[in-house]
């Protein structure tokens, strides 16, 4: 990759990573409860999922998802079910008890599973990375290198959402405010589930 391509790739990857989505909304909500430090650590779960996706994409899983309706639907509905599970958890959260932040392992697991259950992530990653692949070199090493750069951009973008959530969380959260945040979070997870359910396999 030339310097000119790199200067195009990194800002584009940052914008792509910072776009509103299930994982960024999850990080934002988690930061309001768990604070910046714990939630920032949980982003490692998301980055681990992206690393898995880079490997799978490099091994042409995207071709399977593009050509197999069954594979796409199975993965899609697993993702929808998990997002709805999170929506129910947020909606039913007890706001009367003393606020207890989830532990890091729980937050990391949520980040990992949310991303792995989104088939669009596979296809989006493929479509984006392939724009920067050169025909003059082997594709797999290029995809791994581009994927590593994308992980950096994704991590920076995720921390922006975490910081925004942490800023909101530093204010005293009364039970009423916590209920509003939980219900809003539940609604956002529900919307993400609906959008994923309505997504279609690209040709």
Protein backbone atom coordinates (compact mmCIF):
# COMPACT_ATOMS: atom_id res chain seq x y z
CA UNK A 1 0.00 0.00 0.00
CA UNK A 2 1.35 3.39 -0.98
CA UNK A 3 1.37 6.36 1.37
CA UNK A 4 -1.44 7.92 -0.64
CA UNK A 5 -3.58 4.78 -0.29
CA UNK A 6 -2.81 4.64 3.43
CA UNK A 7 -3.95 8.25 3.90
CA UNK A 8 -7.24 7.26 2.26
CA UNK A 9 -7.64 3.93 4.02
CA UNK A 10 -7.17 5.06 7.64
CA UNK A 11 -9.73 7.93 7.67
CA UNK A 12 -12.22 5.76 5.78
CA UNK A 13 -11.70 2.91 8.25
CA UNK A 14 -12.13 5.30 11.17
CA UNK A 15 -15.40 6.66 9.78
CA UNK A 16 -16.63 3.15 9.09
CA UNK A 17 -15.71 2.03 12.60
CA UNK A 18 -17.33 5.08 14.21
CA UNK A 19 -20.67 4.70 12.43
CA UNK A 20 -23.64 3.90 14.69
CA UNK A 21 -24.16 0.19 15.03
CA UNK A 22 -25.02 -2.49 17.56
CA UNK A 23 -21.48 -2.74 18.95
CA UNK A 24 -20.95 1.00 19.26
CA UNK A 25 -24.32 1.44 20.95
CA UNK A 26 -23.47 -1.42 23.28
CA UNK A 27 -20.12 0.17 24.16
CA UNK A 28 -21.82 3.51 24.81
CA UNK A 29 -24.41 1.98 27.15
CA UNK A 30 -21.83 -0.18 28.94
CA UNK A 31 -19.65 2.87 29.59
CA UNK A 32 -22.52 4.70 31.31
CA UNK A 33 -22.62 1.88 33.86
CA UNK A 34 -19.13 0.42 34.02
CA UNK A 35 -17.09 3.55 33.35
CA UNK A 36 -14.33 4.21 30.85
CA UNK A 37 -11.62 1.84 32.06
CA UNK A 38 -13.63 -1.38 32.24
CA UNK A 39 -15.53 -0.71 29.03
CA UNK A 40 -12.34 0.21 27.19
CA UNK A 41 -10.93 -3.19 28.16
CA UNK A 42 -14.07 -4.88 26.86
CA UNK A 43 -13.35 -3.51 23.39
CA UNK A 44 -10.74 -6.27 23.18
CA UNK A 45 -13.69 -8.65 22.76
CA UNK A 46 -14.82 -6.76 19.68
CA UNK A 47 -11.31 -6.58 18.26
CA UNK A 48 -10.93 -10.32 18.78
CA UNK A 49 -14.13 -10.83 16.79
CA UNK A 50 -12.85 -8.56 14.01
CA UNK A 51 -9.60 -10.54 13.95
CA UNK A 52 -11.60 -13.73 13.51
CA UNK A 53 -13.57 -12.09 10.71
CA UNK A 54 -10.39 -11.02 8.93
CA UNK A 55 -9.18 -14.62 8.98
CA UNK A 56 -12.56 -15.96 7.82
CA UNK A 57 -12.83 -13.37 5.07
CA UNK A 58 -9.30 -14.19 3.95
CA UNK A 59 -10.39 -17.82 3.75
CA UNK A 60 -13.34 -16.76 1.57
CA UNK A 61 -16.19 -17.18 4.04
CA UNK A 62 -17.69 -14.09 2.42
CA UNK A 63 -18.18 -16.14 -0.76
CA UNK A 64 -20.24 -18.65 1.23
CA UNK A 65 -22.38 -15.91 2.74
CA UNK A 66 -22.90 -14.28 -0.66
CA UNK A 67 -23.88 -17.51 -2.41
CA UNK A 68 -25.60 -19.50 0.34
CA UNK A 69 -28.98 -18.20 1.46
CA UNK A 70 -29.13 -20.80 4.23
CA UNK A 71 -25.74 -19.85 5.73
CA UNK A 72 -26.62 -16.18 5.65
CA UNK A 73 -30.04 -16.71 7.23
CA UNK A 74 -28.69 -18.94 10.01
CA UNK A 75 -26.04 -16.41 11.00
CA UNK A 76 -28.47 -13.50 10.65
CA UNK A 77 -31.11 -14.97 12.94
CA UNK A 78 -28.54 -15.95 15.54
CA UNK A 79 -27.51 -12.30 15.59
CA UNK A 80 -31.12 -11.12 15.81
CA UNK A 81 -31.82 -13.48 18.71
CA UNK A 82 -28.80 -12.25 20.65
CA UNK A 83 -29.66 -8.58 20.13
CA UNK A 84 -33.21 -9.24 21.32
CA UNK A 85 -31.80 -11.05 24.36
CA UNK A 86 -29.75 -7.94 25.20
CA UNK A 87 -32.83 -5.75 24.67
CA UNK A 88 -34.80 -7.81 27.19
CA UNK A 89 -31.92 -7.73 29.67
CA UNK A 90 -31.73 -3.93 29.50
CA UNK A 91 -35.52 -3.55 29.77
CA UNK A 92 -35.80 -5.80 32.82
CA UNK A 93 -32.73 -4.45 34.64
CA UNK A 94 -33.40 -3.61 38.28
CA UNK A 95 -32.93 0.13 38.84
CA UNK A 96 -33.86 0.10 42.53
CA UNK A 97 -30.78 -1.83 43.62
CA UNK A 98 -27.37 -0.23 43.93
CA UNK A 99 -25.81 0.13 40.50
CA UNK A 100 -23.32 -2.66 39.89
CA UNK A 101 -21.17 -2.51 36.79
CA UNK A 102 -20.86 -5.71 34.76
CA UNK A 103 -17.46 -7.37 34.99
CA UNK A 104 -14.99 -7.12 32.14
CA UNK A 105 -15.49 -10.71 30.98
CA UNK A 106 -19.23 -10.14 30.58
CA UNK A 107 -18.68 -6.93 28.63
CA UNK A 108 -16.07 -8.58 26.40
CA UNK A 109 -18.37 -11.52 25.71
CA UNK A 110 -21.20 -9.16 24.72
CA UNK A 111 -18.92 -7.27 22.36
CA UNK A 112 -17.61 -10.47 20.78
CA UNK A 113 -20.97 -12.20 20.29
CA UNK A 114 -22.73 -9.07 19.02
CA UNK A 115 -20.22 -8.65 16.21
CA UNK A 116 -19.92 -12.34 15.36
CA UNK A 117 -23.69 -12.57 14.98
CA UNK A 118 -23.83 -9.87 12.30
CA UNK A 119 -23.36 -11.35 8.79
CA UNK A 120 -23.22 -7.84 7.32
CA UNK A 121 -19.92 -7.36 9.16
CA UNK A 122 -18.37 -10.12 7.07
CA UNK A 123 -19.64 -8.68 3.81
CA UNK A 124 -18.87 -5.08 4.73
CA UNK A 125 -15.34 -5.95 5.77
CA UNK A 126 -14.80 -7.76 2.50
CA UNK A 127 -16.18 -4.99 0.33
CA UNK A 128 -14.09 -2.39 2.14
CA UNK A 129 -10.78 -4.22 2.26
CA UNK A 130 -10.92 -5.40 -1.33
CA UNK A 131 -10.90 -1.80 -2.55
CA UNK A 132 -7.30 -1.53 -1.33
CA UNK A 133 -6.00 -4.90 -2.55
CA UNK A 134 -3.47 -4.84 -5.37
CA UNK A 135 -3.55 -7.35 -8.22
CA UNK A 136 0.25 -7.41 -8.32
CA UNK A 137 0.66 -9.26 -5.02
CA UNK A 138 -0.89 -12.24 -3.23
CA UNK A 139 -4.31 -11.42 -1.81
CA UNK A 140 -4.21 -13.19 1.57
CA UNK A 141 -1.16 -11.36 3.01
CA UNK A 142 -2.67 -8.07 1.86
CA UNK A 143 -5.99 -8.87 3.53
CA UNK A 144 -4.24 -9.75 6.79
CA UNK A 145 -2.23 -6.51 6.71
CA UNK A 146 -5.27 -4.39 5.85
CA UNK A 147 -7.27 -6.20 8.50
CA UNK A 148 -4.65 -5.39 11.12
CA UNK A 149 -4.79 -1.71 10.18
CA UNK A 150 -8.58 -1.82 10.33
CA UNK A 151 -8.43 -3.24 13.85
CA UNK A 152 -6.47 -0.17 14.94
CA UNK A 153 -9.03 2.17 13.40
CA UNK A 154 -11.93 0.17 14.88
CA UNK A 155 -10.35 0.33 18.33
CA UNK A 156 -9.92 4.11 18.16
CA UNK A 157 -13.50 4.57 16.94
CA UNK A 158 -14.85 2.31 19.70
CA UNK A 159 -13.03 4.32 22.35
CA UNK A 160 -14.78 7.46 21.11
CA UNK A 161 -18.15 5.85 21.86
CA UNK A 162 -16.86 4.58 25.20
CA UNK A 163 -15.68 8.07 26.12
CA UNK A 164 -19.06 9.56 25.25
CA UNK A 165 -20.85 6.98 27.40
CA UNK A 166 -18.43 7.48 30.28
CA UNK A 167 -19.02 11.25 30.19
CA UNK A 168 -22.74 10.65 30.55
CA UNK A 169 -22.19 8.13 33.31
CA UNK A 170 -20.14 10.45 35.52
CA UNK A 171 -23.28 12.35 36.40
CA UNK A 172 -25.33 11.00 39.30
CA UNK A 173 -27.80 8.50 37.89
CA UNK A 174 -31.00 8.44 39.88
CA UNK A 175 -33.24 5.34 39.57
CA UNK A 176 -35.47 7.27 37.16
CA UNK A 177 -32.53 8.26 34.95
CA UNK A 178 -31.18 4.72 35.06
CA UNK A 179 -34.58 3.39 33.99
CA UNK A 180 -34.69 5.86 31.10
CA UNK A 181 -31.19 4.84 29.98
CA UNK A 182 -32.05 1.14 30.28
CA UNK A 183 -35.30 1.50 28.35
CA UNK A 184 -33.58 3.61 25.68
CA UNK A 185 -30.81 1.02 25.46
CA UNK A 186 -33.38 -1.74 25.14
CA UNK A 187 -35.06 0.17 22.33
CA UNK A 188 -31.75 0.70 20.51
CA UNK A 189 -30.89 -2.99 20.76
CA UNK A 190 -34.39 -3.81 19.49
CA UNK A 191 -33.96 -1.45 16.55
CA UNK A 192 -30.60 -3.02 15.75
CA UNK A 193 -32.27 -6.44 15.82
CA UNK A 194 -35.03 -5.29 13.46
CA UNK A 195 -32.53 -3.74 11.04
CA UNK A 196 -30.49 -6.93 11.04
CA UNK A 197 -33.64 -9.02 10.54
CA UNK A 198 -34.57 -6.91 7.51
CA UNK A 199 -31.10 -7.14 5.95
CA UNK A 200 -30.80 -9.15 2.78
CA UNK A 201 -27.98 -11.10 1.23
CA UNK A 202 -26.16 -9.11 -1.41
CA UNK A 203 -25.56 -10.65 -4.78
